[in-house]
Amino acid sequence: MEIAGEILVLIGSIFLFLGALGILRMPDVFNRLQAGTKATTLGALSLILGIGFMSSGYLWKSIVLVIFIVLTNPISSSTIARASYKLKVPIFKGTVIKTEEKDFLKEEKK
């Protein structure tokens, strides 16, 4: 259990670092949400479970935290994205938008 915990902590740390790097490097709020949500969720889940495996007294608390993160993170990221869209936060000029989405966005603006 100790070795599995250490491996999970290492994996979690790597994903958290990559998520933070993605947040710093991405050009607009929508791309930052993508980097922040996916990588940091996986990183936090791995890190918390790794700590739970390394010290068995915290295993159930770790599982509760993992469930909380899995339930709340998608809701918070979609809320931030929706608020950014409603406030008309500009997107990066180099962002490629599919044809169907362009039509949807044009109809929304009318």
N, C-alpha and C. Protein backbone atom coordinates (compact mmCIF):
# COMPACT_ATOMS: atom_id res chain seq x y z
N MET A 1 0.83 -1.20 0.00
CA MET A 1 0.00 0.00 0.00
C MET A 1 0.87 1.26 0.00
N GLU A 2 1.99 1.16 0.68
CA GLU A 2 2.88 2.32 0.78
C GLU A 2 3.43 2.71 -0.59
N ILE A 3 3.85 1.71 -1.36
CA ILE A 3 4.42 1.98 -2.69
C ILE A 3 3.34 2.50 -3.63
N ALA A 4 2.15 1.93 -3.58
CA ALA A 4 1.04 2.41 -4.42
C ALA A 4 0.70 3.85 -4.08
N GLY A 5 0.72 4.17 -2.80
CA GLY A 5 0.46 5.54 -2.37
C GLY A 5 1.50 6.51 -2.88
N GLU A 6 2.76 6.11 -2.81
CA GLU A 6 3.83 6.99 -3.30
C GLU A 6 3.74 7.20 -4.81
N ILE A 7 3.39 6.15 -5.53
CA ILE A 7 3.22 6.29 -6.98
C ILE A 7 2.06 7.22 -7.30
N LEU A 8 0.96 7.08 -6.59
CA LEU A 8 -0.19 7.97 -6.82
C LEU A 8 0.14 9.42 -6.47
N VAL A 9 0.89 9.63 -5.42
CA VAL A 9 1.29 11.00 -5.06
C VAL A 9 2.18 11.59 -6.15
N LEU A 10 3.09 10.80 -6.68
CA LEU A 10 3.96 11.27 -7.76
C LEU A 10 3.14 11.61 -9.01
N ILE A 11 2.22 10.73 -9.39
CA ILE A 11 1.37 10.98 -10.55
C ILE A 11 0.52 12.23 -10.33
N GLY A 12 -0.05 12.35 -9.15
CA GLY A 12 -0.86 13.52 -8.84
C GLY A 12 -0.07 14.81 -8.89
N SER A 13 1.15 14.77 -8.38
CA SER A 13 2.00 15.96 -8.42
C SER A 13 2.33 16.37 -9.85
N ILE A 14 2.59 15.39 -10.69
CA ILE A 14 2.89 15.69 -12.10
C ILE A 14 1.68 16.31 -12.78
N PHE A 15 0.50 15.74 -12.57
CA PHE A 15 -0.70 16.30 -13.21
C PHE A 15 -1.04 17.68 -12.68
N LEU A 16 -0.83 17.91 -11.38
CA LEU A 16 -1.09 19.24 -10.84
C LEU A 16 -0.12 20.27 -11.41
N PHE A 17 1.15 19.87 -11.58
CA PHE A 17 2.12 20.77 -12.19
C PHE A 17 1.73 21.09 -13.64
N LEU A 18 1.36 20.06 -14.40
CA LEU A 18 0.97 20.29 -15.79
C LEU A 18 -0.30 21.13 -15.90
N GLY A 19 -1.24 20.94 -14.97
CA GLY A 19 -2.45 21.76 -14.97
C GLY A 19 -2.13 23.22 -14.67
N ALA A 20 -1.25 23.45 -13.71
CA ALA A 20 -0.85 24.83 -13.39
C ALA A 20 -0.11 25.46 -14.56
N LEU A 21 0.73 24.69 -15.21
CA LEU A 21 1.44 25.19 -16.38
C LEU A 21 0.46 25.53 -17.51
N GLY A 22 -0.55 24.68 -17.69
CA GLY A 22 -1.57 24.94 -18.70
C GLY A 22 -2.37 26.20 -18.41
N ILE A 23 -2.68 26.42 -17.14
CA ILE A 23 -3.42 27.63 -16.77
C ILE A 23 -2.60 28.88 -17.06
N LEU A 24 -1.30 28.80 -16.81
CA LEU A 24 -0.43 29.95 -17.07
C LEU A 24 -0.24 30.21 -18.57
N ARG A 25 -0.19 29.16 -19.36
CA ARG A 25 0.16 29.32 -20.77
C ARG A 25 -1.03 29.53 -21.71
N MET A 26 -2.21 29.12 -21.32
CA MET A 26 -3.36 29.23 -22.22
C MET A 26 -3.79 30.68 -22.39
N PRO A 27 -4.29 31.03 -23.60
CA PRO A 27 -4.54 32.43 -23.91
C PRO A 27 -5.85 33.02 -23.39
N ASP A 28 -6.89 32.22 -23.21
CA ASP A 28 -8.16 32.81 -22.76
C ASP A 28 -8.80 31.93 -21.69
N VAL A 29 -9.90 32.44 -21.13
CA VAL A 29 -10.52 31.79 -19.98
C VAL A 29 -11.06 30.41 -20.34
N PHE A 30 -11.55 30.22 -21.56
CA PHE A 30 -12.13 28.94 -21.93
C PHE A 30 -11.06 27.86 -22.06
N ASN A 31 -9.93 28.21 -22.64
CA ASN A 31 -8.82 27.26 -22.72
C ASN A 31 -8.22 26.99 -21.34
N ARG A 32 -8.18 28.00 -20.50
CA ARG A 32 -7.67 27.80 -19.14
C ARG A 32 -8.57 26.87 -18.35
N LEU A 33 -9.86 26.97 -18.57
CA LEU A 33 -10.78 26.07 -17.89
C LEU A 33 -10.51 24.63 -18.29
N GLN A 34 -10.24 24.40 -19.55
CA GLN A 34 -9.94 23.06 -20.03
C GLN A 34 -8.72 22.50 -19.32
N ALA A 35 -7.65 23.29 -19.30
CA ALA A 35 -6.41 22.83 -18.67
C ALA A 35 -6.59 22.65 -17.17
N GLY A 36 -7.25 23.60 -16.56
CA GLY A 36 -7.42 23.55 -15.11
C GLY A 36 -8.33 22.45 -14.64
N THR A 37 -9.39 22.21 -15.35
CA THR A 37 -10.37 21.23 -14.89
C THR A 37 -9.86 19.81 -15.05
N LYS A 38 -9.40 19.48 -16.21
CA LYS A 38 -9.01 18.09 -16.47
C LYS A 38 -7.77 17.68 -15.69
N ALA A 39 -6.70 18.42 -15.86
CA ALA A 39 -5.43 18.01 -15.26
C ALA A 39 -5.44 18.14 -13.73
N THR A 40 -5.99 19.21 -13.23
CA THR A 40 -5.95 19.38 -11.78
C THR A 40 -6.93 18.44 -11.07
N THR A 41 -8.02 18.07 -11.73
CA THR A 41 -8.92 17.09 -11.12
C THR A 41 -8.23 15.75 -10.99
N LEU A 42 -7.62 15.29 -12.07
CA LEU A 42 -6.90 14.02 -12.01
C LEU A 42 -5.73 14.09 -11.03
N GLY A 43 -5.05 15.22 -11.00
CA GLY A 43 -3.93 15.38 -10.07
C GLY A 43 -4.39 15.36 -8.62
N ALA A 44 -5.45 16.08 -8.33
CA ALA A 44 -5.95 16.12 -6.95
C ALA A 44 -6.47 14.76 -6.52
N LEU A 45 -7.17 14.07 -7.41
CA LEU A 45 -7.69 12.75 -7.06
C LEU A 45 -6.55 11.77 -6.77
N SER A 46 -5.53 11.78 -7.62
CA SER A 46 -4.39 10.88 -7.41
C SER A 46 -3.64 11.22 -6.13
N LEU A 47 -3.42 12.49 -5.90
CA LEU A 47 -2.69 12.92 -4.72
C LEU A 47 -3.45 12.56 -3.44
N ILE A 48 -4.73 12.82 -3.40
CA ILE A 48 -5.52 12.54 -2.20
C ILE A 48 -5.61 11.04 -1.94
N LEU A 49 -5.83 10.26 -3.00
CA LEU A 49 -5.88 8.81 -2.81
C LEU A 49 -4.52 8.26 -2.40
N GLY A 50 -3.45 8.82 -2.94
CA GLY A 50 -2.11 8.39 -2.55
C GLY A 50 -1.85 8.63 -1.08
N ILE A 51 -2.27 9.77 -0.58
CA ILE A 51 -2.11 10.06 0.85
C ILE A 51 -2.96 9.10 1.68
N GLY A 52 -4.15 8.80 1.18
CA GLY A 52 -5.01 7.84 1.88
C GLY A 52 -4.39 6.45 1.94
N PHE A 53 -3.72 6.05 0.87
CA PHE A 53 -3.06 4.74 0.86
C PHE A 53 -1.83 4.73 1.77
N MET A 54 -1.09 5.82 1.81
CA MET A 54 0.13 5.85 2.61
C MET A 54 -0.16 5.86 4.11
N SER A 55 -1.22 6.54 4.51
CA SER A 55 -1.60 6.51 5.93
C SER A 55 -3.04 6.03 6.01
N SER A 56 -3.21 4.79 6.38
CA SER A 56 -4.52 4.14 6.30
C SER A 56 -5.59 4.80 7.18
N GLY A 57 -5.19 5.59 8.15
CA GLY A 57 -6.18 6.29 8.97
C GLY A 57 -6.95 7.35 8.20
N TYR A 58 -6.37 7.81 7.11
CA TYR A 58 -7.02 8.84 6.30
C TYR A 58 -7.71 8.29 5.06
N LEU A 59 -7.77 6.98 4.89
CA LEU A 59 -8.31 6.41 3.65
C LEU A 59 -9.77 6.78 3.45
N TRP A 60 -10.60 6.64 4.46
CA TRP A 60 -12.02 6.96 4.29
C TRP A 60 -12.23 8.45 4.09
N LYS A 61 -11.46 9.26 4.77
CA LYS A 61 -11.56 10.70 4.55
C LYS A 61 -11.13 11.06 3.14
N SER A 62 -10.12 10.37 2.63
CA SER A 62 -9.66 10.60 1.25
C SER A 62 -10.75 10.23 0.25
N ILE A 63 -11.42 9.13 0.50
CA ILE A 63 -12.49 8.71 -0.41
C ILE A 63 -13.63 9.72 -0.42
N VAL A 64 -13.97 10.25 0.74
CA VAL A 64 -15.01 11.28 0.82
C VAL A 64 -14.59 12.54 0.05
N LEU A 65 -13.34 12.94 0.20
CA LEU A 65 -12.83 14.10 -0.54
C LEU A 65 -12.86 13.86 -2.05
N VAL A 66 -12.49 12.67 -2.47
CA VAL A 66 -12.50 12.34 -3.90
C VAL A 66 -13.92 12.43 -4.44
N ILE A 67 -14.88 11.89 -3.72
CA ILE A 67 -16.29 11.97 -4.16
C ILE A 67 -16.74 13.42 -4.25
N PHE A 68 -16.37 14.23 -3.27
CA PHE A 68 -16.74 15.64 -3.28
C PHE A 68 -16.15 16.36 -4.50
N ILE A 69 -14.89 16.10 -4.80
CA ILE A 69 -14.24 16.74 -5.95
C ILE A 69 -14.89 16.29 -7.26
N VAL A 70 -15.17 15.00 -7.37
CA VAL A 70 -15.79 14.48 -8.59
C VAL A 70 -17.17 15.08 -8.81
N LEU A 71 -17.90 15.35 -7.74
CA LEU A 71 -19.24 15.92 -7.87
C LEU A 71 -19.23 17.43 -8.11
N THR A 72 -18.29 18.14 -7.52
CA THR A 72 -18.34 19.60 -7.58
C THR A 72 -17.51 20.23 -8.70
N ASN A 73 -16.44 19.60 -9.11
CA ASN A 73 -15.57 20.22 -10.10
C ASN A 73 -16.24 20.44 -11.46
N PRO A 74 -16.98 19.49 -12.01
CA PRO A 74 -17.66 19.77 -13.29
C PRO A 74 -18.70 20.89 -13.18
N ILE A 75 -19.37 20.96 -12.06
CA ILE A 75 -20.38 22.00 -11.86
C ILE A 75 -19.72 23.38 -11.80
N SER A 76 -18.63 23.47 -11.06
CA SER A 76 -17.98 24.78 -10.94
C SER A 76 -17.37 25.22 -12.26
N SER A 77 -16.77 24.31 -13.01
CA SER A 77 -16.16 24.71 -14.28
C SER A 77 -17.22 25.11 -15.31
N SER A 78 -18.34 24.40 -15.33
CA SER A 78 -19.39 24.80 -16.28
C SER A 78 -20.02 26.12 -15.87
N THR A 79 -20.09 26.40 -14.59
CA THR A 79 -20.62 27.68 -14.12
C THR A 79 -19.70 28.83 -14.52
N ILE A 80 -18.40 28.63 -14.38
CA ILE A 80 -17.44 29.66 -14.79
C ILE A 80 -17.50 29.87 -16.30
N ALA A 81 -17.59 28.78 -17.06
CA ALA A 81 -17.67 28.91 -18.52
C ALA A 81 -18.95 29.62 -18.95
N ARG A 82 -20.06 29.29 -18.32
CA ARG A 82 -21.33 29.93 -18.67
C ARG A 82 -21.32 31.42 -18.32
N ALA A 83 -20.77 31.76 -17.16
CA ALA A 83 -20.68 33.16 -16.77
C ALA A 83 -19.77 33.93 -17.72
N SER A 84 -18.67 33.32 -18.13
CA SER A 84 -17.77 33.97 -19.08
C SER A 84 -18.45 34.18 -20.42
N TYR A 85 -19.21 33.20 -20.85
CA TYR A 85 -19.93 33.32 -22.11
C TYR A 85 -21.00 34.41 -22.04
N LYS A 86 -21.74 34.43 -20.94
CA LYS A 86 -22.80 35.45 -20.78
C LYS A 86 -22.22 36.85 -20.67
N LEU A 87 -21.03 36.99 -20.08
CA LEU A 87 -20.38 38.30 -19.97
C LEU A 87 -19.63 38.69 -21.25
N LYS A 88 -19.70 37.79 -22.25
CA LYS A 88 -19.05 38.02 -23.54
C LYS A 88 -17.54 38.24 -23.40
N VAL A 89 -16.91 37.38 -22.60
CA VAL A 89 -15.46 37.40 -22.47
C VAL A 89 -14.88 37.02 -23.83
N PRO A 90 -13.97 37.82 -24.37
CA PRO A 90 -13.46 37.52 -25.71
C PRO A 90 -12.64 36.23 -25.73
N ILE A 91 -12.77 35.51 -26.86
CA ILE A 91 -11.98 34.31 -27.03
C ILE A 91 -10.71 34.64 -27.79
N PHE A 92 -9.75 33.76 -27.72
CA PHE A 92 -8.48 33.93 -28.39
C PHE A 92 -8.70 33.94 -29.91
N LYS A 93 -8.01 34.82 -30.60
CA LYS A 93 -8.19 34.97 -32.06
C LYS A 93 -7.87 33.70 -32.82
N GLY A 94 -6.96 32.89 -32.32
CA GLY A 94 -6.56 31.67 -33.01
C GLY A 94 -7.45 30.47 -32.73
N THR A 95 -8.52 30.65 -31.96
CA THR A 95 -9.41 29.55 -31.63
C THR A 95 -10.21 29.15 -32.85
N VAL A 96 -10.24 27.85 -33.15
CA VAL A 96 -10.99 27.33 -34.29
C VAL A 96 -12.36 26.92 -33.79
N ILE A 97 -13.40 27.47 -34.43
CA ILE A 97 -14.78 27.17 -34.05
C ILE A 97 -15.43 26.40 -35.20
N LYS A 98 -16.11 25.30 -34.88
CA LYS A 98 -16.77 24.50 -35.89
C LYS A 98 -17.92 25.28 -36.51
N THR A 99 -18.33 24.87 -37.71
CA THR A 99 -19.38 25.57 -38.44
C THR A 99 -20.70 25.58 -37.67
N GLU A 100 -21.07 24.46 -37.07
CA GLU A 100 -22.34 24.40 -36.31
C GLU A 100 -22.30 25.36 -35.12
N GLU A 101 -21.17 25.45 -34.48
CA GLU A 101 -21.04 26.35 -33.33
C GLU A 101 -21.05 27.80 -33.76
N LYS A 102 -20.49 28.10 -34.94
CA LYS A 102 -20.54 29.48 -35.43
C LYS A 102 -21.98 29.90 -35.67
N ASP A 103 -22.78 29.00 -36.27
CA ASP A 103 -24.19 29.31 -36.49
C ASP A 103 -24.91 29.53 -35.18
N PHE A 104 -24.63 28.71 -34.18
CA PHE A 104 -25.25 28.83 -32.88
C PHE A 104 -24.88 30.17 -32.24
N LEU A 105 -23.60 30.53 -32.33
CA LEU A 105 -23.15 31.77 -31.72
C LEU A 105 -23.77 32.99 -32.42
N LYS A 106 -23.95 32.91 -33.73
CA LYS A 106 -24.59 34.01 -34.45
C LYS A 106 -26.03 34.17 -34.04
N GLU A 107 -26.75 33.04 -33.86
CA GLU A 107 -28.14 33.10 -33.43
C GLU A 107 -28.25 33.63 -32.01
N GLU A 108 -27.32 33.28 -31.16
CA GLU A 108 -27.31 33.75 -29.77
C GLU A 108 -27.17 35.27 -29.68
N LYS A 109 -26.36 35.85 -30.58
CA LYS A 109 -26.07 37.27 -30.50
C LYS A 109 -27.26 38.10 -30.97
N LYS A 110 -28.16 37.52 -31.75
CA LYS A 110 -29.31 38.28 -32.26
C LYS A 110 -30.32 38.57 -31.21
